[in-house]
Amino acid sequence: MSGDPVRFAFFAEVFAALAHPKRLEIIHHLGERQHTAGELAELTGLSKANVSQHLSVLKARGLVHCDKCGTFCHYRLTSPQVLETCEIVRQLILAQMDLASACRRQLAEVVPLRKTSS
């Protein structure tokens, strides 16, 4: 099934939800334990309204779930695989950084060519 557009569109939507630094920070905090929007606002430095917008995106993509308890909503990750996905990407970034550092070290060892005077 080459080029299944629906499947790839869904993948893109999930990655788009993960592509915002504050949403990744929210995921990080929810990976520690469930939180209310107010708690997440304090932890991230965002307004509660802004946190709610980010949570809506994460919920729409199936990454976060809301458990209502009275007047409060307690947010949690839908699966440990959300954090596992973030960890895989983190490992990829670290590997790229290691490669870049190795290249920089090799380049630093190269003696620059000097022009000879005629």
PDB file of N, CA and C in Angstrom:
ATOM      1  N   MET A   1       0.836  -1.188   0.000  1.00  0.00           N
ATOM      2  CA  MET A   1       0.000   0.000   0.000  1.00  0.00           C
ATOM      3  C   MET A   1       0.874   1.242   0.000  1.00  0.00           C
ATOM      4  N   SER A   2       1.374   1.558  -1.115  1.00  0.00           N
ATOM      5  CA  SER A   2       2.270   2.695  -1.224  1.00  0.00           C
ATOM      6  C   SER A   2       1.497   4.010  -1.150  1.00  0.00           C
ATOM      7  N   GLY A   3       1.993   4.920  -0.296  1.00  0.00           N
ATOM      8  CA  GLY A   3       1.437   6.267  -0.256  1.00  0.00           C
ATOM      9  C   GLY A   3       0.036   6.384   0.295  1.00  0.00           C
ATOM     10  N   ASP A   4      -0.278   5.649   1.346  1.00  0.00           N
ATOM     11  CA  ASP A   4      -1.593   5.741   1.976  1.00  0.00           C
ATOM     12  C   ASP A   4      -1.734   7.130   2.607  1.00  0.00           C
ATOM     13  N   PRO A   5      -2.448   8.066   1.949  1.00  0.00           N
ATOM     14  CA  PRO A   5      -2.482   9.456   2.421  1.00  0.00           C
ATOM     15  C   PRO A   5      -3.154   9.636   3.780  1.00  0.00           C
ATOM     16  N   VAL A   6      -4.154   8.832   4.091  1.00  0.00           N
ATOM     17  CA  VAL A   6      -4.845   8.976   5.373  1.00  0.00           C
ATOM     18  C   VAL A   6      -3.902   8.612   6.518  1.00  0.00           C
ATOM     19  N   ARG A   7      -3.197   7.516   6.348  1.00  0.00           N
ATOM     20  CA  ARG A   7      -2.266   7.071   7.387  1.00  0.00           C
ATOM     21  C   ARG A   7      -1.189   8.115   7.619  1.00  0.00           C
ATOM     22  N   PHE A   8      -0.596   8.617   6.545  1.00  0.00           N
ATOM     23  CA  PHE A   8       0.481   9.593   6.695  1.00  0.00           C
ATOM     24  C   PHE A   8      -0.037  10.928   7.216  1.00  0.00           C
ATOM     25  N   ALA A   9      -1.253  11.287   6.882  1.00  0.00           N
ATOM     26  CA  ALA A   9      -1.856  12.517   7.420  1.00  0.00           C
ATOM     27  C   ALA A   9      -2.039  12.391   8.924  1.00  0.00           C
ATOM     28  N   PHE A  10      -2.454  11.220   9.384  1.00  0.00           N
ATOM     29  CA  PHE A  10      -2.627  11.019  10.822  1.00  0.00           C
ATOM     30  C   PHE A  10      -1.287  11.102  11.538  1.00  0.00           C
ATOM     31  N   PHE A  11      -0.259  10.473  10.961  1.00  0.00           N
ATOM     32  CA  PHE A  11       1.081  10.566  11.532  1.00  0.00           C
ATOM     33  C   PHE A  11       1.502  12.030  11.645  1.00  0.00           C
ATOM     34  N   ALA A  12       1.282  12.784  10.581  1.00  0.00           N
ATOM     35  CA  ALA A  12       1.677  14.193  10.555  1.00  0.00           C
ATOM     36  C   ALA A  12       0.947  14.989  11.632  1.00  0.00           C
ATOM     37  N   GLU A  13      -0.331  14.697  11.856  1.00  0.00           N
ATOM     38  CA  GLU A  13      -1.101  15.406  12.879  1.00  0.00           C
ATOM     39  C   GLU A  13      -0.555  15.123  14.276  1.00  0.00           C
ATOM     40  N   VAL A  14      -0.187  13.884  14.540  1.00  0.00           N
ATOM     41  CA  VAL A  14       0.370  13.547  15.850  1.00  0.00           C
ATOM     42  C   VAL A  14       1.714  14.239  16.034  1.00  0.00           C
ATOM     43  N   PHE A  15       2.568  14.183  15.002  1.00  0.00           N
ATOM     44  CA  PHE A  15       3.868  14.856  15.109  1.00  0.00           C
ATOM     45  C   PHE A  15       3.712  16.369  15.208  1.00  0.00           C
ATOM     46  N   ALA A  16       2.713  16.934  14.564  1.00  0.00           N
ATOM     47  CA  ALA A  16       2.459  18.371  14.678  1.00  0.00           C
ATOM     48  C   ALA A  16       2.076  18.720  16.115  1.00  0.00           C
ATOM     49  N   ALA A  17       1.301  17.861  16.758  1.00  0.00           N
ATOM     50  CA  ALA A  17       0.927  18.105  18.157  1.00  0.00           C
ATOM     51  C   ALA A  17       2.156  18.063  19.055  1.00  0.00           C
ATOM     52  N   LEU A  18       3.127  17.247  18.702  1.00  0.00           N
ATOM     53  CA  LEU A  18       4.357  17.130  19.489  1.00  0.00           C
ATOM     54  C   LEU A  18       5.393  18.195  19.122  1.00  0.00           C
ATOM     55  N   ALA A  19       5.121  18.981  18.099  1.00  0.00           N
ATOM     56  CA  ALA A  19       6.124  19.902  17.554  1.00  0.00           C
ATOM     57  C   ALA A  19       6.198  21.238  18.278  1.00  0.00           C
ATOM     58  N   HIS A  20       5.468  21.416  19.363  1.00  0.00           N
ATOM     59  CA  HIS A  20       5.496  22.688  20.093  1.00  0.00           C
ATOM     60  C   HIS A  20       6.244  22.491  21.412  1.00  0.00           C
ATOM     61  N   PRO A  21       7.219  23.359  21.714  1.00  0.00           N
ATOM     62  CA  PRO A  21       8.008  23.189  22.945  1.00  0.00           C
ATOM     63  C   PRO A  21       7.166  23.160  24.221  1.00  0.00           C
ATOM     64  N   LYS A  22       6.151  23.992  24.315  1.00  0.00           N
ATOM     65  CA  LYS A  22       5.332  24.009  25.529  1.00  0.00           C
ATOM     66  C   LYS A  22       4.484  22.747  25.645  1.00  0.00           C
ATOM     67  N   ARG A  23       4.046  22.194  24.518  1.00  0.00           N
ATOM     68  CA  ARG A  23       3.291  20.937  24.581  1.00  0.00           C
ATOM     69  C   ARG A  23       4.210  19.801  25.034  1.00  0.00           C
ATOM     70  N   LEU A  24       5.455  19.829  24.586  1.00  0.00           N
ATOM     71  CA  LEU A  24       6.413  18.823  25.050  1.00  0.00           C
ATOM     72  C   LEU A  24       6.677  18.983  26.547  1.00  0.00           C
ATOM     73  N   GLU A  25       6.726  20.220  27.003  1.00  0.00           N
ATOM     74  CA  GLU A  25       6.912  20.460  28.432  1.00  0.00           C
ATOM     75  C   GLU A  25       5.711  19.938  29.220  1.00  0.00           C
ATOM     76  N   ILE A  26       4.511  20.160  28.712  1.00  0.00           N
ATOM     77  CA  ILE A  26       3.299  19.636  29.358  1.00  0.00           C
ATOM     78  C   ILE A  26       3.349  18.112  29.408  1.00  0.00           C
ATOM     79  N   ILE A  27       3.738  17.483  28.311  1.00  0.00           N
ATOM     80  CA  ILE A  27       3.868  16.025  28.277  1.00  0.00           C
ATOM     81  C   ILE A  27       4.875  15.557  29.325  1.00  0.00           C
ATOM     82  N   HIS A  28       5.981  16.277  29.439  1.00  0.00           N
ATOM     83  CA  HIS A  28       6.998  15.939  30.438  1.00  0.00           C
ATOM     84  C   HIS A  28       6.383  15.933  31.846  1.00  0.00           C
ATOM     85  N   HIS A  29       5.649  16.985  32.177  1.00  0.00           N
ATOM     86  CA  HIS A  29       5.031  17.071  33.508  1.00  0.00           C
ATOM     87  C   HIS A  29       3.973  15.991  33.710  1.00  0.00           C
ATOM     88  N   LEU A  30       3.203  15.705  32.670  1.00  0.00           N
ATOM     89  CA  LEU A  30       2.186  14.652  32.781  1.00  0.00           C
ATOM     90  C   LEU A  30       2.823  13.273  32.856  1.00  0.00           C
ATOM     91  N   GLY A  31       4.039  13.152  32.373  1.00  0.00           N
ATOM     92  CA  GLY A  31       4.764  11.886  32.497  1.00  0.00           C
ATOM     93  C   GLY A  31       5.158  11.597  33.938  1.00  0.00           C
ATOM     94  N   GLU A  32       5.269  12.669  34.736  1.00  0.00           N
ATOM     95  CA  GLU A  32       5.603  12.485  36.153  1.00  0.00           C
ATOM     96  C   GLU A  32       4.372  12.066  36.954  1.00  0.00           C
ATOM     97  N   ARG A  33       3.239  12.723  36.658  1.00  0.00           N
ATOM     98  CA  ARG A  33       1.971  12.402  37.324  1.00  0.00           C
ATOM     99  C   ARG A  33       0.874  13.229  36.677  1.00  0.00           C
ATOM    100  N   GLN A  34      -0.378  12.933  37.008  1.00  0.00           N
ATOM    101  CA  GLN A  34      -1.478  13.728  36.455  1.00  0.00           C
ATOM    102  C   GLN A  34      -1.495  15.104  37.112  1.00  0.00           C
ATOM    103  N   HIS A  35      -2.025  16.075  36.362  1.00  0.00           N
ATOM    104  CA  HIS A  35      -2.092  17.458  36.835  1.00  0.00           C
ATOM    105  C   HIS A  35      -3.388  18.095  36.361  1.00  0.00           C
ATOM    106  N   THR A  36      -3.793  19.144  37.068  1.00  0.00           N
ATOM    107  CA  THR A  36      -4.890  19.988  36.596  1.00  0.00           C
ATOM    108  C   THR A  36      -4.296  21.046  35.667  1.00  0.00           C
ATOM    109  N   ALA A  37      -5.150  21.723  34.923  1.00  0.00           N
ATOM    110  CA  ALA A  37      -4.685  22.795  34.041  1.00  0.00           C
ATOM    111  C   ALA A  37      -4.017  23.895  34.850  1.00  0.00           C
ATOM    112  N   GLY A  38      -4.559  24.201  36.035  1.00  0.00           N
ATOM    113  CA  GLY A  38      -3.963  25.217  36.900  1.00  0.00           C
ATOM    114  C   GLY A  38      -2.554  24.847  37.341  1.00  0.00           C
ATOM    115  N   GLU A  39      -2.372  23.584  37.696  1.00  0.00           N
ATOM    116  CA  GLU A  39      -1.031  23.119  38.091  1.00  0.00           C
ATOM    117  C   GLU A  39      -0.070  23.212  36.913  1.00  0.00           C
ATOM    118  N   LEU A  40      -0.546  22.806  35.739  1.00  0.00           N
ATOM    119  CA  LEU A  40       0.310  22.884  34.551  1.00  0.00           C
ATOM    120  C   LEU A  40       0.655  24.326  34.201  1.00  0.00           C
ATOM    121  N   ALA A  41      -0.288  25.234  34.433  1.00  0.00           N
ATOM    122  CA  ALA A  41      -0.018  26.651  34.185  1.00  0.00           C
ATOM    123  C   ALA A  41       1.122  27.130  35.087  1.00  0.00           C
ATOM    124  N   GLU A  42       1.075  26.749  36.354  1.00  0.00           N
ATOM    125  CA  GLU A  42       2.148  27.128  37.283  1.00  0.00           C
ATOM    126  C   GLU A  42       3.480  26.514  36.879  1.00  0.00           C
ATOM    127  N   LEU A  43       3.456  25.254  36.490  1.00  0.00           N
ATOM    128  CA  LEU A  43       4.696  24.559  36.139  1.00  0.00           C
ATOM    129  C   LEU A  43       5.329  25.100  34.855  1.00  0.00           C
ATOM    130  N   THR A  44       4.507  25.523  33.905  1.00  0.00           N
ATOM    131  CA  THR A  44       5.020  25.961  32.602  1.00  0.00           C
ATOM    132  C   THR A  44       5.171  27.474  32.479  1.00  0.00           C
ATOM    133  N   GLY A  45       4.552  28.215  33.390  1.00  0.00           N
ATOM    134  CA  GLY A  45       4.598  29.671  33.282  1.00  0.00           C
ATOM    135  C   GLY A  45       3.625  30.234  32.263  1.00  0.00           C
ATOM    136  N   LEU A  46       2.720  29.406  31.779  1.00  0.00           N
ATOM    137  CA  LEU A  46       1.709  29.845  30.816  1.00  0.00           C
ATOM    138  C   LEU A  46       0.425  30.227  31.557  1.00  0.00           C
ATOM    139  N   SER A  47      -0.436  30.965  30.880  1.00  0.00           N
ATOM    140  CA  SER A  47      -1.752  31.232  31.449  1.00  0.00           C
ATOM    141  C   SER A  47      -2.564  29.938  31.406  1.00  0.00           C
ATOM    142  N   LYS A  48      -3.564  29.865  32.266  1.00  0.00           N
ATOM    143  CA  LYS A  48      -4.426  28.676  32.278  1.00  0.00           C
ATOM    144  C   LYS A  48      -5.137  28.507  30.939  1.00  0.00           C
ATOM    145  N   ALA A  49      -5.541  29.636  30.321  1.00  0.00           N
ATOM    146  CA  ALA A  49      -6.208  29.580  29.014  1.00  0.00           C
ATOM    147  C   ALA A  49      -5.272  29.008  27.950  1.00  0.00           C
ATOM    148  N   ASN A  50      -4.008  29.415  27.994  1.00  0.00           N
ATOM    149  CA  ASN A  50      -3.042  28.917  27.014  1.00  0.00           C
ATOM    150  C   ASN A  50      -2.760  27.437  27.228  1.00  0.00           C
ATOM    151  N   VAL A  51      -2.638  27.024  28.484  1.00  0.00           N
ATOM    152  CA  VAL A  51      -2.444  25.604  28.795  1.00  0.00           C
ATOM    153  C   VAL A  51      -3.636  24.802  28.282  1.00  0.00           C
ATOM    154  N   SER A  52      -4.835  25.328  28.480  1.00  0.00           N
ATOM    155  CA  SER A  52      -6.040  24.633  28.017  1.00  0.00           C
ATOM    156  C   SER A  52      -6.034  24.464  26.502  1.00  0.00           C
ATOM    157  N   GLN A  53      -5.553  25.462  25.783  1.00  0.00           N
ATOM    158  CA  GLN A  53      -5.457  25.348  24.318  1.00  0.00           C
ATOM    159  C   GLN A  53      -4.490  24.238  23.933  1.00  0.00           C
ATOM    160  N   HIS A  54      -3.337  24.206  24.597  1.00  0.00           N
ATOM    161  CA  HIS A  54      -2.362  23.154  24.299  1.00  0.00           C
ATOM    162  C   HIS A  54      -2.916  21.774  24.660  1.00  0.00           C
ATOM    163  N   LEU A  55      -3.600  21.683  25.789  1.00  0.00           N
ATOM    164  CA  LEU A  55      -4.194  20.409  26.188  1.00  0.00           C
ATOM    165  C   LEU A  55      -5.258  19.958  25.194  1.00  0.00           C
ATOM    166  N   SER A  56      -5.996  20.893  24.629  1.00  0.00           N
ATOM    167  CA  SER A  56      -7.008  20.553  23.618  1.00  0.00           C
ATOM    168  C   SER A  56      -6.372  19.912  22.394  1.00  0.00           C
ATOM    169  N   VAL A  57      -5.237  20.459  21.974  1.00  0.00           N
ATOM    170  CA  VAL A  57      -4.522  19.883  20.828  1.00  0.00           C
ATOM    171  C   VAL A  57      -4.052  18.472  21.168  1.00  0.00           C
ATOM    172  N   LEU A  58      -3.462  18.313  22.349  1.00  0.00           N
ATOM    173  CA  LEU A  58      -2.957  17.003  22.760  1.00  0.00           C
ATOM    174  C   LEU A  58      -4.089  15.984  22.926  1.00  0.00           C
ATOM    175  N   LYS A  59      -5.224  16.437  23.444  1.00  0.00           N
ATOM    176  CA  LYS A  59      -6.383  15.544  23.577  1.00  0.00           C
ATOM    177  C   LYS A  59      -6.922  15.145  22.211  1.00  0.00           C
ATOM    178  N   ALA A  60      -7.013  16.105  21.296  1.00  0.00           N
ATOM    179  CA  ALA A  60      -7.549  15.823  19.958  1.00  0.00           C
ATOM    180  C   ALA A  60      -6.707  14.796  19.218  1.00  0.00           C
ATOM    181  N   ARG A  61      -5.426  14.730  19.533  1.00  0.00           N
ATOM    182  CA  ARG A  61      -4.529  13.770  18.874  1.00  0.00           C
ATOM    183  C   ARG A  61      -4.374  12.479  19.667  1.00  0.00           C
ATOM    184  N   GLY A  62      -5.141  12.366  20.769  1.00  0.00           N
ATOM    185  CA  GLY A  62      -5.129  11.125  21.533  1.00  0.00           C
ATOM    186  C   GLY A  62      -3.918  10.929  22.412  1.00  0.00           C
ATOM    187  N   LEU A  63      -3.218  12.007  22.750  1.00  0.00           N
ATOM    188  CA  LEU A  63      -2.014  11.896  23.559  1.00  0.00           C
ATOM    189  C   LEU A  63      -2.284  12.122  25.041  1.00  0.00           C
ATOM    190  N   VAL A  64      -3.360  12.859  25.336  1.00  0.00           N
ATOM    191  CA  VAL A  64      -3.709  13.227  26.710  1.00  0.00           C
ATOM    192  C   VAL A  64      -5.182  12.913  26.933  1.00  0.00           C
ATOM    193  N   HIS A  65      -5.493  12.515  28.158  1.00  0.00           N
ATOM    194  CA  HIS A  65      -6.879  12.231  28.543  1.00  0.00           C
ATOM    195  C   HIS A  65      -7.225  13.067  29.768  1.00  0.00           C
ATOM    196  N   CYS A  66      -8.497  13.449  29.861  1.00  0.00           N
ATOM    197  CA  CYS A  66      -8.996  14.242  30.980  1.00  0.00           C
ATOM    198  C   CYS A  66      -9.936  13.387  31.819  1.00  0.00           C
ATOM    199  N   ASP A  67      -9.636  13.289  33.118  1.00  0.00           N
ATOM    200  CA  ASP A  67     -10.527  12.624  34.066  1.00  0.00           C
ATOM    201  C   ASP A  67     -11.189  13.711  34.898  1.00  0.00           C
ATOM    202  N   LYS A  68     -12.523  13.831  34.778  1.00  0.00           N
ATOM    203  CA  LYS A  68     -13.243  14.855  35.537  1.00  0.00           C
ATOM    204  C   LYS A  68     -13.482  14.362  36.957  1.00  0.00           C
ATOM    205  N   CYS A  69     -13.191  15.251  37.895  1.00  0.00           N
ATOM    206  CA  CYS A  69     -13.382  14.946  39.316  1.00  0.00           C
ATOM    207  C   CYS A  69     -14.010  16.180  39.946  1.00  0.00           C
ATOM    208  N   GLY A  70     -15.332  16.186  40.041  1.00  0.00           N
ATOM    209  CA  GLY A  70     -16.035  17.368  40.530  1.00  0.00           C
ATOM    210  C   GLY A  70     -15.907  18.489  39.517  1.00  0.00           C
ATOM    211  N   THR A  71     -15.392  19.625  39.969  1.00  0.00           N
ATOM    212  CA  THR A  71     -15.221  20.771  39.064  1.00  0.00           C
ATOM    213  C   THR A  71     -13.844  20.787  38.422  1.00  0.00           C
ATOM    214  N   PHE A  72     -12.988  19.832  38.778  1.00  0.00           N
ATOM    215  CA  PHE A  72     -11.626  19.803  38.246  1.00  0.00           C
ATOM    216  C   PHE A  72     -11.476  18.743  37.167  1.00  0.00           C
ATOM    217  N   CYS A  73     -10.572  19.013  36.244  1.00  0.00           N
ATOM    218  CA  CYS A  73     -10.162  18.027  35.245  1.00  0.00           C
ATOM    219  C   CYS A  73      -8.715  17.665  35.554  1.00  0.00           C
ATOM    220  N   HIS A  74      -8.475  16.391  35.720  1.00  0.00           N
ATOM    221  CA  HIS A  74      -7.116  15.900  35.941  1.00  0.00           C
ATOM    222  C   HIS A  74      -6.628  15.303  34.621  1.00  0.00           C
ATOM    223  N   TYR A  75      -5.540  15.842  34.122  1.00  0.00           N
ATOM    224  CA  TYR A  75      -5.006  15.411  32.837  1.00  0.00           C
ATOM    225  C   TYR A  75      -3.905  14.388  33.062  1.00  0.00           C
ATOM    226  N   ARG A  76      -3.881  13.407  32.168  1.00  0.00           N
ATOM    227  CA  ARG A  76      -2.846  12.373  32.204  1.00  0.00           C
ATOM    228  C   ARG A  76      -2.541  11.954  30.776  1.00  0.00           C
ATOM    229  N   LEU A  77      -1.397  11.319  30.592  1.00  0.00           N
ATOM    230  CA  LEU A  77      -1.048  10.779  29.278  1.00  0.00           C
ATOM    231  C   LEU A  77      -1.928   9.558  29.010  1.00  0.00           C
ATOM    232  N   THR A  78      -2.289   9.355  27.762  1.00  0.00           N
ATOM    233  CA  THR A  78      -3.136   8.214  27.422  1.00  0.00           C
ATOM    234  C   THR A  78      -2.367   6.903  27.461  1.00  0.00           C
ATOM    235  N   SER A  79      -1.036   6.987  27.322  1.00  0.00           N
ATOM    236  CA  SER A  79      -0.228   5.777  27.263  1.00  0.00           C
ATOM    237  C   SER A  79       1.220   6.116  27.603  1.00  0.00           C
ATOM    238  N   PRO A  80       1.949   5.174  28.203  1.00  0.00           N
ATOM    239  CA  PRO A  80       3.376   5.397  28.422  1.00  0.00           C
ATOM    240  C   PRO A  80       4.137   5.529  27.096  1.00  0.00           C
ATOM    241  N   GLN A  81       3.516   5.067  26.009  1.00  0.00           N
ATOM    242  CA  GLN A  81       4.172   5.159  24.702  1.00  0.00           C
ATOM    243  C   GLN A  81       4.367   6.596  24.251  1.00  0.00           C
ATOM    244  N   VAL A  82       3.576   7.525  24.799  1.00  0.00           N
ATOM    245  CA  VAL A  82       3.772   8.943  24.475  1.00  0.00           C
ATOM    246  C   VAL A  82       5.165   9.365  24.936  1.00  0.00           C
ATOM    247  N   LEU A  83       5.506   9.018  26.177  1.00  0.00           N
ATOM    248  CA  LEU A  83       6.844   9.341  26.691  1.00  0.00           C
ATOM    249  C   LEU A  83       7.923   8.553  25.968  1.00  0.00           C
ATOM    250  N   GLU A  84       7.636   7.307  25.632  1.00  0.00           N
ATOM    251  CA  GLU A  84       8.606   6.492  24.911  1.00  0.00           C
ATOM    252  C   GLU A  84       8.930   7.113  23.560  1.00  0.00           C
ATOM    253  N   THR A  85       7.928   7.653  22.893  1.00  0.00           N
ATOM    254  CA  THR A  85       8.138   8.324  21.609  1.00  0.00           C
ATOM    255  C   THR A  85       9.045   9.530  21.791  1.00  0.00           C
ATOM    256  N   CYS A  86       8.771  10.322  22.831  1.00  0.00           N
ATOM    257  CA  CYS A  86       9.609  11.486  23.112  1.00  0.00           C
ATOM    258  C   CYS A  86      11.042  11.058  23.430  1.00  0.00           C
ATOM    259  N   GLU A  87      11.192   9.950  24.144  1.00  0.00           N
ATOM    260  CA  GLU A  87      12.530   9.461  24.487  1.00  0.00           C
ATOM    261  C   GLU A  87      13.282   9.000  23.244  1.00  0.00           C
ATOM    262  N   ILE A  88      12.601   8.361  22.321  1.00  0.00           N
ATOM    263  CA  ILE A  88      13.245   7.941  21.072  1.00  0.00           C
ATOM    264  C   ILE A  88      13.756   9.159  20.309  1.00  0.00           C
ATOM    265  N   VAL A  89      12.953  10.203  20.243  1.00  0.00           N
ATOM    266  CA  VAL A  89      13.371  11.426  19.549  1.00  0.00           C
ATOM    267  C   VAL A  89      14.540  12.077  20.292  1.00  0.00           C
ATOM    268  N   ARG A  90      14.486  12.069  21.629  1.00  0.00           N
ATOM    269  CA  ARG A  90      15.597  12.626  22.421  1.00  0.00           C
ATOM    270  C   ARG A  90      16.898  11.889  22.130  1.00  0.00           C
ATOM    271  N   GLN A  91      16.818  10.557  22.059  1.00  0.00           N
ATOM    272  CA  GLN A  91      18.006   9.758  21.746  1.00  0.00           C
ATOM    273  C   GLN A  91      18.536  10.078  20.342  1.00  0.00           C
ATOM    274  N   LEU A  92      17.632  10.280  19.395  1.00  0.00           N
ATOM    275  CA  LEU A  92      18.022  10.653  18.036  1.00  0.00           C
ATOM    276  C   LEU A  92      18.761  11.989  18.043  1.00  0.00           C
ATOM    277  N   ILE A  93      18.234  12.964  18.779  1.00  0.00           N
ATOM    278  CA  ILE A  93      18.867  14.284  18.870  1.00  0.00           C
ATOM    279  C   ILE A  93      20.251  14.173  19.513  1.00  0.00           C
ATOM    280  N   LEU A  94      20.355  13.402  20.590  1.00  0.00           N
ATOM    281  CA  LEU A  94      21.654  13.224  21.253  1.00  0.00           C
ATOM    282  C   LEU A  94      22.666  12.575  20.320  1.00  0.00           C
ATOM    283  N   ALA A  95      22.221  11.597  19.545  1.00  0.00           N
ATOM    284  CA  ALA A  95      23.118  10.942  18.587  1.00  0.00           C
ATOM    285  C   ALA A  95      23.595  11.938  17.529  1.00  0.00           C
ATOM    286  N   GLN A  96      22.689  12.791  17.061  1.00  0.00           N
ATOM    287  CA  GLN A  96      23.067  13.804  16.081  1.00  0.00           C
ATOM    288  C   GLN A  96      24.060  14.797  16.680  1.00  0.00           C
ATOM    289  N   MET A  97      23.837  15.161  17.940  1.00  0.00           N
ATOM    290  CA  MET A  97      24.751  16.084  18.613  1.00  0.00           C
ATOM    291  C   MET A  97      26.130  15.457  18.791  1.00  0.00           C
ATOM    292  N   ASP A  98      26.166  14.169  19.138  1.00  0.00           N
ATOM    293  CA  ASP A  98      27.439  13.467  19.268  1.00  0.00           C
ATOM    294  C   ASP A  98      28.184  13.448  17.944  1.00  0.00           C
ATOM    295  N   LEU A  99      27.467  13.183  16.865  1.00  0.00           N
ATOM    296  CA  LEU A  99      28.079  13.161  15.540  1.00  0.00           C
ATOM    297  C   LEU A  99      28.625  14.535  15.178  1.00  0.00           C
ATOM    298  N   ALA A 100      27.845  15.576  15.457  1.00  0.00           N
ATOM    299  CA  ALA A 100      28.291  16.937  15.156  1.00  0.00           C
ATOM    300  C   ALA A 100      29.528  17.288  15.977  1.00  0.00           C
ATOM    301  N   SER A 101      29.552  16.867  17.249  1.00  0.00           N
ATOM    302  CA  SER A 101      30.719  17.137  18.100  1.00  0.00           C
ATOM    303  C   SER A 101      31.955  16.420  17.579  1.00  0.00           C
ATOM    304  N   ALA A 102      31.779  15.181  17.143  1.00  0.00           N
ATOM    305  CA  ALA A 102      32.908  14.424  16.591  1.00  0.00           C
ATOM    306  C   ALA A 102      33.434  15.098  15.331  1.00  0.00           C
ATOM    307  N   CYS A 103      32.538  15.579  14.495  1.00  0.00           N
ATOM    308  CA  CYS A 103      32.957  16.271  13.270  1.00  0.00           C
ATOM    309  C   CYS A 103      33.705  17.556  13.614  1.00  0.00           C
ATOM    310  N   ARG A 104      33.225  18.284  14.619  1.00  0.00           N
ATOM    311  CA  ARG A 104      33.908  19.517  15.038  1.00  0.00           C
ATOM    312  C   ARG A 104      35.309  19.216  15.558  1.00  0.00           C
ATOM    313  N   ARG A 105      35.440  18.147  16.339  1.00  0.00           N
ATOM    314  CA  ARG A 105      36.763  17.771  16.867  1.00  0.00           C
ATOM    315  C   ARG A 105      37.702  17.425  15.719  1.00  0.00           C
ATOM    316  N   GLN A 106      37.207  16.665  14.741  1.00  0.00           N
ATOM    317  CA  GLN A 106      38.052  16.296  13.599  1.00  0.00           C
ATOM    318  C   GLN A 106      38.466  17.526  12.812  1.00  0.00           C
ATOM    319  N   LEU A 107      37.542  18.443  12.611  1.00  0.00           N
ATOM    320  CA  LEU A 107      37.841  19.658  11.874  1.00  0.00           C
ATOM    321  C   LEU A 107      38.857  20.513  12.623  1.00  0.00           C
ATOM    322  N   ALA A 108      38.768  20.549  13.939  1.00  0.00           N
ATOM    323  CA  ALA A 108      39.708  21.338  14.741  1.00  0.00           C
ATOM    324  C   ALA A 108      41.122  20.793  14.650  1.00  0.00           C
ATOM    325  N   GLU A 109      41.251  19.497  14.367  1.00  0.00           N
ATOM    326  CA  GLU A 109      42.578  18.877  14.268  1.00  0.00           C
ATOM    327  C   GLU A 109      43.238  19.105  12.912  1.00  0.00           C
ATOM    328  N   VAL A 110      42.483  19.554  11.947  1.00  0.00           N
ATOM    329  CA  VAL A 110      43.029  19.788  10.608  1.00  0.00           C
ATOM    330  C   VAL A 110      43.874  21.052  10.645  1.00  0.00           C
ATOM    331  N   VAL A 111      45.089  20.913  10.154  1.00  0.00           N
ATOM    332  CA  VAL A 111      45.974  22.077  10.093  1.00  0.00           C
ATOM    333  C   VAL A 111      45.580  22.889   8.873  1.00  0.00           C
ATOM    334  N   PRO A 112      45.333  24.191   9.052  1.00  0.00           N
ATOM    335  CA  PRO A 112      44.944  24.999   7.899  1.00  0.00           C
ATOM    336  C   PRO A 112      46.088  25.115   6.894  1.00  0.00           C
ATOM    337  N   LEU A 113      45.708  25.143   5.636  1.00  0.00           N
ATOM    338  CA  LEU A 113      46.727  25.323   4.588  1.00  0.00           C
ATOM    339  C   LEU A 113      47.218  26.757   4.632  1.00  0.00           C
ATOM    340  N   ARG A 114      48.512  26.889   4.397  1.00  0.00           N
ATOM    341  CA  ARG A 114      49.079  28.235   4.385  1.00  0.00           C
ATOM    342  C   ARG A 114      49.590  28.532   2.995  1.00  0.00           C
ATOM    343  N   LYS A 115      49.363  29.747   2.612  1.00  0.00           N
ATOM    344  CA  LYS A 115      49.861  30.161   1.303  1.00  0.00           C
ATOM    345  C   LYS A 115      51.376  30.298   1.382  1.00  0.00           C
ATOM    346  N   THR A 116      52.023  29.795   0.358  1.00  0.00           N
ATOM    347  CA  THR A 116      53.477  29.944   0.308  1.00  0.00           C
ATOM    348  C   THR A 116      53.802  31.203  -0.480  1.00  0.00           C
ATOM    349  N   SER A 117      54.783  31.914  -0.022  1.00  0.00           N
ATOM    350  CA  SER A 117      55.149  33.136  -0.745  1.00  0.00           C
ATOM    351  C   SER A 117      56.038  32.780  -1.925  1.00  0.00           C
ATOM    352  N   SER A 118      55.824  33.473  -3.039  1.00  0.00           N
ATOM    353  CA  SER A 118      56.564  33.158  -4.258  1.00  0.00           C
ATOM    354  C   SER A 118      57.834  33.920  -4.321  1.00  0.00           C
TER     355      SER A 118
END
